[in-house]
Amino acid sequence: MADEFRQSVFWAPATPPQRTLKAAIGCTGVGLHNGLPVSLTLRPAAENTGIVFRRTDLGVDVEAAFDRVADTFLCTQIAHPAHRSVRVGTVEHLLAALAGSAVDNAIVEIDGPELPILDGSASPYLFLIDCAGIADQAAPRLVLEVVRPVRVQADQAYAELRPAASRLGADRNPTLDLSFSIDFPAAAIGRQAMSIRLSTAAFRRELANARTFVLAQDVERLRAAGLARGGSLDNAVVVEGDRILNPGGLRSPTEFVRHKLLDAVGDLALAGPALHAQFIGHRSGHALNNLLLRALFADATAYRLSGGEIAVPAAMSTAVPSVARPALPVAA
């Protein structure tokens, strides 16, 4: 990009290798919001590619990057910088599965504007990654270490990145500790909090199968606005007061906060490099999560990089689309 500068960083030989998929694998489904059928294929990618979404119906690639986020209303949507109408929506669950599997490079081919919602969690994507397999690559993994706290807030909600509990060691293996709390008026949700140190095992065990959720009272309002057209009890937890309307109930008593943590993992993956940091969120959503990354990269003294180099926009905007749009009491 013409408006970027290249930030050079030191290379530690012991840095873990980048990883990609061993083979291509695909699936079909429907978009949560547009309700349209879509086919998706995950493909291996070369070192330093990152995660790239390829709109095969348009022949356009969109990088999975924090400054590509074009909308954050009920999901995270990215767009091509020169062709803003070329968008890819509901990317957070797949990005969480890739980040939770420590996959750095992949091409994601889709033939429509929104990823399939599948069962509303990251488990189906994790299954695809498992089937494809993961391969180490020669290049060292990029690691972004937060060295100064960065915080963003909107009313009672906030999101914060702090330095990790310990400095990045000689093995250059990053650690990302996440803490999240929610507070919903619906009695079936209420107040929940959870903390986790992200690892491939912890992601699989604690977060991957947590589904998106919605309040029953909002379903018709969302559909009238042209959203949630692909939503059903098969891909979302529907809450009405103190009741869960899904016949099978919850997968965990704390499925709601677990899904918010899953979303945060996916949103933070848009930083690009693996994060070595602590993340704290309270009632945060896609908008604040993206605003947090924008605030981080706007302050070059708040982070340092190792393992290679990264392109950072020279004039970083701290405005994120949809942050001021009226919030609905739902989780994307």
Protein backbone atom coordinates (compact mmCIF):
# COMPACT_ATOMS: atom_id res chain seq x y z
CA MET A 1 0.00 0.00 0.00
CA ALA A 2 1.30 3.41 -0.97
CA ASP A 3 0.40 5.04 2.35
CA GLU A 4 2.39 2.58 4.46
CA PHE A 5 5.85 2.51 5.85
CA ARG A 6 7.74 -0.69 6.56
CA GLN A 7 8.59 -1.14 10.22
CA SER A 8 11.76 -3.21 10.43
CA VAL A 9 12.20 -5.45 13.45
CA PHE A 10 14.84 -7.76 14.78
CA TRP A 11 14.90 -11.45 13.94
CA ALA A 12 15.44 -13.88 16.76
CA PRO A 13 16.65 -17.22 15.30
CA ALA A 14 14.76 -19.18 17.96
CA THR A 15 11.39 -17.72 16.92
CA PRO A 16 8.88 -20.51 16.20
CA PRO A 17 8.17 -21.14 12.51
CA GLN A 18 5.20 -19.85 10.61
CA ARG A 19 2.52 -22.43 9.84
CA THR A 20 0.07 -23.09 7.05
CA LEU A 21 -2.32 -25.84 5.99
CA LYS A 22 -1.05 -29.08 4.48
CA ALA A 23 -3.91 -29.42 1.99
CA ALA A 24 -6.98 -27.65 0.66
CA ILE A 25 -10.38 -28.39 2.15
CA GLY A 26 -13.83 -26.88 1.75
CA CYS A 27 -17.43 -26.72 2.92
CA THR A 28 -20.76 -25.14 2.04
CA GLY A 29 -23.31 -23.31 4.13
CA VAL A 30 -25.36 -20.14 4.42
CA GLY A 31 -24.51 -16.65 5.63
CA LEU A 32 -25.91 -15.75 9.04
CA HIS A 33 -27.08 -12.30 7.98
CA ASN A 34 -27.76 -12.52 4.23
CA GLY A 35 -29.09 -16.10 4.32
CA LEU A 36 -27.42 -16.85 0.97
CA PRO A 37 -25.67 -20.13 0.13
CA VAL A 38 -21.89 -19.90 0.01
CA SER A 39 -18.99 -22.23 -0.70
CA LEU A 40 -15.71 -21.88 1.17
CA THR A 41 -12.31 -23.44 0.53
CA LEU A 42 -9.25 -23.16 2.78
CA ARG A 43 -5.93 -23.42 0.93
CA PRO A 44 -2.26 -23.44 1.98
CA ALA A 45 -0.38 -20.18 1.48
CA ALA A 46 3.26 -19.14 1.21
CA GLU A 47 5.26 -17.69 4.08
CA ASN A 48 4.38 -14.12 5.08
CA THR A 49 1.08 -14.25 3.20
CA GLY A 50 -1.06 -13.93 6.30
CA ILE A 51 -4.74 -14.74 6.01
CA VAL A 52 -6.23 -13.60 2.69
CA PHE A 53 -9.89 -13.83 1.73
CA ARG A 54 -10.39 -14.39 -2.00
CA ARG A 55 -13.78 -13.51 -3.48
CA THR A 56 -13.80 -16.06 -6.31
CA ASP A 57 -17.04 -14.60 -7.68
CA LEU A 58 -15.31 -11.24 -8.17
CA GLY A 59 -11.65 -12.20 -8.57
CA VAL A 60 -10.57 -9.87 -5.74
CA ASP A 61 -8.45 -10.56 -2.64
CA VAL A 62 -9.05 -8.88 0.73
CA GLU A 63 -6.37 -9.14 3.43
CA ALA A 64 -7.43 -10.04 6.96
CA ALA A 65 -6.06 -6.91 8.63
CA PHE A 66 -7.33 -4.53 11.30
CA ASP A 67 -7.29 -1.56 8.90
CA ARG A 68 -9.43 -3.48 6.38
CA VAL A 69 -12.39 -3.58 8.77
CA ALA A 70 -15.28 -1.73 7.12
CA ASP A 71 -18.20 -2.57 9.42
CA THR A 72 -18.57 -4.00 12.91
CA PHE A 73 -22.36 -4.11 13.30
CA LEU A 74 -23.19 -7.60 14.66
CA CYS A 75 -20.14 -9.11 12.93
CA THR A 76 -16.70 -8.16 11.67
CA GLN A 77 -16.69 -7.25 8.00
CA ILE A 78 -13.59 -6.44 5.95
CA ALA A 79 -13.35 -4.66 2.61
CA HIS A 80 -10.86 -4.09 -0.19
CA PRO A 81 -9.26 -0.65 0.35
CA ALA A 82 -9.69 0.48 -3.27
CA HIS A 83 -13.03 -1.23 -3.91
CA ARG A 84 -15.10 -0.71 -0.77
CA SER A 85 -18.07 -2.59 -2.20
CA VAL A 86 -15.97 -5.79 -2.24
CA ARG A 87 -16.58 -7.10 1.27
CA VAL A 88 -16.30 -10.28 3.31
CA GLY A 89 -18.55 -10.55 6.35
CA THR A 90 -18.66 -12.63 9.55
CA VAL A 91 -14.95 -13.45 9.40
CA GLU A 92 -14.40 -13.65 13.16
CA HIS A 93 -15.23 -17.34 13.78
CA LEU A 94 -12.89 -18.62 11.08
CA LEU A 95 -10.16 -16.19 12.13
CA ALA A 96 -10.52 -17.42 15.71
CA ALA A 97 -10.17 -21.04 14.56
CA LEU A 98 -7.04 -20.22 12.54
CA ALA A 99 -5.51 -18.18 15.38
CA GLY A 100 -6.48 -20.84 17.93
CA SER A 101 -4.69 -23.40 15.74
CA ALA A 102 -1.63 -21.14 15.32
CA VAL A 103 -2.07 -21.01 11.53
CA ASP A 104 -0.33 -17.92 10.16
CA ASN A 105 -0.85 -18.25 6.40
CA ALA A 106 -3.91 -19.35 4.44
CA ILE A 107 -6.03 -18.42 1.44
CA VAL A 108 -9.76 -18.45 2.14
CA GLU A 109 -11.79 -18.72 -1.05
CA ILE A 110 -15.49 -17.82 -0.92
CA ASP A 111 -17.99 -17.24 -3.71
CA GLY A 112 -20.10 -14.65 -1.88
CA PRO A 113 -19.98 -11.71 0.53
CA GLU A 114 -20.37 -13.62 3.82
CA LEU A 115 -18.75 -16.70 5.35
CA PRO A 116 -21.01 -19.65 6.22
CA ILE A 117 -22.24 -19.54 9.79
CA LEU A 118 -22.29 -23.38 10.07
CA ASP A 119 -23.32 -24.14 13.67
CA GLY A 120 -22.58 -20.63 14.99
CA SER A 121 -19.29 -21.58 16.63
CA ALA A 122 -15.70 -22.16 15.52
CA SER A 123 -15.86 -25.96 15.90
CA PRO A 124 -16.73 -26.74 12.26
CA TYR A 125 -13.83 -24.57 11.10
CA LEU A 126 -11.54 -26.29 13.57
CA PHE A 127 -12.68 -29.63 12.11
CA LEU A 128 -11.75 -28.44 8.60
CA ILE A 129 -8.31 -27.33 9.80
CA ASP A 130 -7.78 -30.68 11.51
CA CYS A 131 -8.73 -32.54 8.32
CA ALA A 132 -6.41 -30.40 6.18
CA GLY A 133 -3.49 -30.72 8.61
CA ILE A 134 -0.92 -28.08 9.55
CA ALA A 135 2.64 -27.73 8.21
CA ASP A 136 5.58 -25.76 9.59
CA GLN A 137 7.27 -23.29 7.25
CA ALA A 138 10.84 -21.99 7.08
CA ALA A 139 10.20 -18.34 7.96
CA PRO A 140 10.07 -17.28 11.64
CA ARG A 141 6.70 -16.42 13.12
CA LEU A 142 5.91 -12.73 13.53
CA VAL A 143 5.28 -11.77 17.15
CA LEU A 144 3.80 -8.48 18.35
CA GLU A 145 4.65 -7.68 21.97
CA VAL A 146 2.55 -5.07 23.76
CA VAL A 147 4.87 -2.99 25.96
CA ARG A 148 2.51 -0.23 27.14
CA PRO A 149 -1.20 -0.41 28.09
CA VAL A 150 -3.72 0.72 25.48
CA ARG A 151 -7.39 1.16 26.35
CA VAL A 152 -10.57 2.17 24.51
CA GLN A 153 -13.96 2.75 26.07
CA ALA A 154 -17.56 3.47 25.04
CA ASP A 155 -19.96 4.17 27.90
CA GLN A 156 -19.60 1.22 30.32
CA ALA A 157 -17.87 -1.04 27.81
CA TYR A 158 -14.11 -1.14 27.43
CA ALA A 159 -11.28 -3.15 25.92
CA GLU A 160 -7.63 -3.03 26.92
CA LEU A 161 -4.31 -4.51 25.90
CA ARG A 162 -1.55 -4.69 28.52
CA PRO A 163 1.98 -6.08 28.50
CA ALA A 164 2.06 -9.84 29.00
CA ALA A 165 2.59 -11.19 32.51
CA SER A 166 6.17 -12.09 31.54
CA ARG A 167 8.59 -10.78 28.94
CA LEU A 168 8.93 -12.61 25.67
CA GLY A 169 11.44 -15.39 26.35
CA ALA A 170 14.38 -16.65 24.35
CA ASP A 171 12.12 -19.19 22.62
CA ARG A 172 10.01 -16.29 21.29
CA ASN A 173 6.79 -18.17 22.04
CA PRO A 174 4.08 -15.56 22.60
CA THR A 175 1.39 -15.84 25.28
CA LEU A 176 -2.01 -14.20 25.04
CA ASP A 177 -4.02 -14.05 28.26
CA LEU A 178 -7.65 -13.04 27.81
CA SER A 179 -10.20 -11.96 30.42
CA PHE A 180 -13.76 -11.04 29.54
CA SER A 181 -16.92 -10.11 31.43
CA ILE A 182 -20.48 -9.56 30.23
CA ASP A 183 -23.66 -8.24 31.81
CA PHE A 184 -26.98 -8.83 30.04
CA PRO A 185 -30.47 -8.07 31.38
CA ALA A 186 -31.78 -11.45 30.22
CA ALA A 187 -31.81 -13.73 33.26
CA ALA A 188 -30.55 -16.70 31.24
CA ILE A 189 -27.33 -14.76 30.53
CA GLY A 190 -26.84 -12.29 33.38
CA ARG A 191 -23.30 -11.61 34.50
CA GLN A 192 -20.54 -13.95 33.40
CA ALA A 193 -16.75 -13.70 33.44
CA MET A 194 -13.93 -15.91 32.26
CA SER A 195 -10.14 -15.82 31.87
CA ILE A 196 -8.03 -18.04 29.66
CA ARG A 197 -4.46 -18.32 28.37
CA LEU A 198 -4.77 -18.97 24.68
CA SER A 199 -3.20 -22.16 23.38
CA THR A 200 -4.25 -24.65 20.75
CA ALA A 201 -5.45 -27.03 23.47
CA ALA A 202 -7.26 -24.34 25.49
CA PHE A 203 -8.98 -22.91 22.42
CA ARG A 204 -10.21 -26.35 21.40
CA ARG A 205 -11.34 -27.27 24.91
CA GLU A 206 -12.78 -24.00 26.23
CA LEU A 207 -13.88 -21.74 23.37
CA ALA A 208 -14.27 -23.45 20.01
CA ASN A 209 -17.79 -24.84 20.43
CA ALA A 210 -19.39 -21.72 22.00
CA ARG A 211 -22.17 -20.46 19.71
CA THR A 212 -23.34 -16.99 18.81
CA PHE A 213 -26.46 -15.86 20.64
CA VAL A 214 -29.41 -13.51 20.26
CA LEU A 215 -32.38 -12.32 22.31
CA ALA A 216 -35.71 -13.62 21.00
CA GLN A 217 -37.22 -10.12 21.18
CA ASP A 218 -34.66 -8.87 18.65
CA VAL A 219 -35.04 -11.56 15.99
CA GLU A 220 -37.89 -9.95 14.06
CA ARG A 221 -36.29 -6.52 14.35
CA LEU A 222 -33.06 -7.88 12.88
CA ARG A 223 -34.84 -9.62 10.02
CA ALA A 224 -36.83 -6.48 9.24
CA ALA A 225 -33.48 -4.70 8.93
CA GLY A 226 -32.28 -7.35 6.45
CA LEU A 227 -30.12 -9.19 9.00
CA ALA A 228 -30.12 -12.67 10.58
CA ARG A 229 -31.88 -14.10 7.49
CA GLY A 230 -29.80 -17.27 7.79
CA GLY A 231 -30.17 -17.55 11.54
CA SER A 232 -31.95 -20.48 13.18
CA LEU A 233 -31.86 -22.63 16.29
CA ASP A 234 -29.30 -24.73 14.42
CA ASN A 235 -26.70 -21.93 14.40
CA ALA A 236 -27.51 -19.57 17.27
CA VAL A 237 -28.55 -19.72 20.90
CA VAL A 238 -31.86 -17.88 21.28
CA VAL A 239 -32.63 -16.44 24.72
CA GLU A 240 -36.01 -15.37 26.03
CA GLY A 241 -35.85 -14.05 29.57
CA ASP A 242 -34.72 -16.93 31.73
CA ARG A 243 -35.24 -19.54 28.99
CA ILE A 244 -33.02 -21.03 26.30
CA LEU A 245 -35.24 -21.80 23.29
CA ASN A 246 -32.85 -24.27 21.67
CA PRO A 247 -34.11 -27.83 22.27
CA GLY A 248 -30.64 -29.03 23.26
CA GLY A 249 -30.04 -26.17 25.67
CA LEU A 250 -26.56 -24.76 26.23
CA ARG A 251 -23.25 -26.46 25.55
CA SER A 252 -21.90 -24.85 28.73
CA PRO A 253 -23.47 -22.73 31.49
CA THR A 254 -21.00 -19.99 30.48
CA GLU A 255 -21.40 -20.43 26.72
CA PHE A 256 -22.22 -16.73 26.34
CA VAL A 257 -18.98 -15.32 27.73
CA ARG A 258 -17.04 -18.10 26.02
CA HIS A 259 -18.45 -16.98 22.67
CA LYS A 260 -17.51 -13.38 23.40
CA LEU A 261 -13.97 -14.58 24.09
CA LEU A 262 -14.03 -16.55 20.83
CA ASP A 263 -15.07 -13.38 18.98
CA ALA A 264 -12.25 -11.46 20.66
CA VAL A 265 -9.68 -14.05 19.55
CA GLY A 266 -10.92 -13.66 15.96
CA ASP A 267 -11.00 -9.87 16.08
CA LEU A 268 -7.53 -9.64 17.65
CA ALA A 269 -6.17 -11.96 14.95
CA LEU A 270 -6.58 -9.00 12.59
CA ALA A 271 -3.43 -7.57 14.19
CA GLY A 272 -1.52 -9.95 11.90
CA PRO A 273 1.38 -11.12 14.06
CA ALA A 274 0.77 -13.37 17.06
CA LEU A 275 0.10 -11.22 20.13
CA HIS A 276 2.21 -11.39 23.29
CA ALA A 277 -0.10 -9.50 25.62
CA GLN A 278 -2.96 -9.47 28.07
CA PHE A 279 -6.44 -8.60 26.78
CA ILE A 280 -9.18 -7.40 29.12
CA GLY A 281 -12.69 -6.78 27.84
CA HIS A 282 -15.91 -5.78 29.56
CA ARG A 283 -19.08 -5.72 27.45
CA SER A 284 -16.82 -5.21 24.45
CA GLY A 285 -17.80 -6.21 20.94
CA HIS A 286 -16.42 -6.16 17.42
CA ALA A 287 -16.31 -2.35 17.22
CA LEU A 288 -14.29 -1.82 20.41
CA ASN A 289 -12.05 -4.80 19.64
CA ASN A 290 -11.11 -3.23 16.32
CA LEU A 291 -10.81 0.24 17.80
CA LEU A 292 -8.35 -1.24 20.31
CA LEU A 293 -6.09 -2.52 17.53
CA ARG A 294 -6.27 0.82 15.75
CA ALA A 295 -5.28 2.59 18.97
CA LEU A 296 -2.40 0.16 19.49
CA PHE A 297 -0.93 0.64 16.03
CA ALA A 298 -1.43 4.41 16.25
CA ASP A 299 1.16 4.46 19.07
CA ALA A 300 4.49 3.04 17.89
CA THR A 301 5.79 3.16 21.48
CA ALA A 302 3.10 0.73 22.68
CA TYR A 303 4.42 -2.36 20.89
CA ARG A 304 7.44 -4.01 19.37
CA LEU A 305 7.77 -6.72 16.74
CA SER A 306 10.07 -9.66 16.23
CA GLY A 307 10.48 -12.25 13.51
CA GLY A 308 10.35 -10.07 10.39
CA GLU A 309 8.65 -6.85 9.32
CA ILE A 310 5.09 -5.59 9.05
CA ALA A 311 3.42 -2.85 7.04
CA VAL A 312 1.75 -0.25 9.27
CA PRO A 313 -0.42 2.55 7.83
CA ALA A 314 1.43 5.85 8.09
CA ALA A 315 -1.70 7.84 8.96
CA MET A 316 -3.58 5.57 11.32
CA SER A 317 -7.23 6.46 11.90
CA THR A 318 -8.67 5.57 15.30
CA ALA A 319 -12.21 5.69 13.95
CA VAL A 320 -13.82 2.32 13.36
CA PRO A 321 -16.95 1.93 11.22
CA SER A 322 -20.20 1.32 13.10
CA VAL A 323 -18.82 2.11 16.56
CA ALA A 324 -21.49 4.79 16.91
CA ARG A 325 -24.35 2.75 15.44
CA PRO A 326 -27.11 1.86 17.90
CA ALA A 327 -26.10 -1.26 19.78
CA LEU A 328 -28.51 -4.18 19.93
CA PRO A 329 -28.32 -6.60 22.86
CA VAL A 330 -27.03 -9.42 20.70
CA ALA A 331 -23.67 -11.04 20.05
CA ALA A 332 -22.46 -11.65 16.51
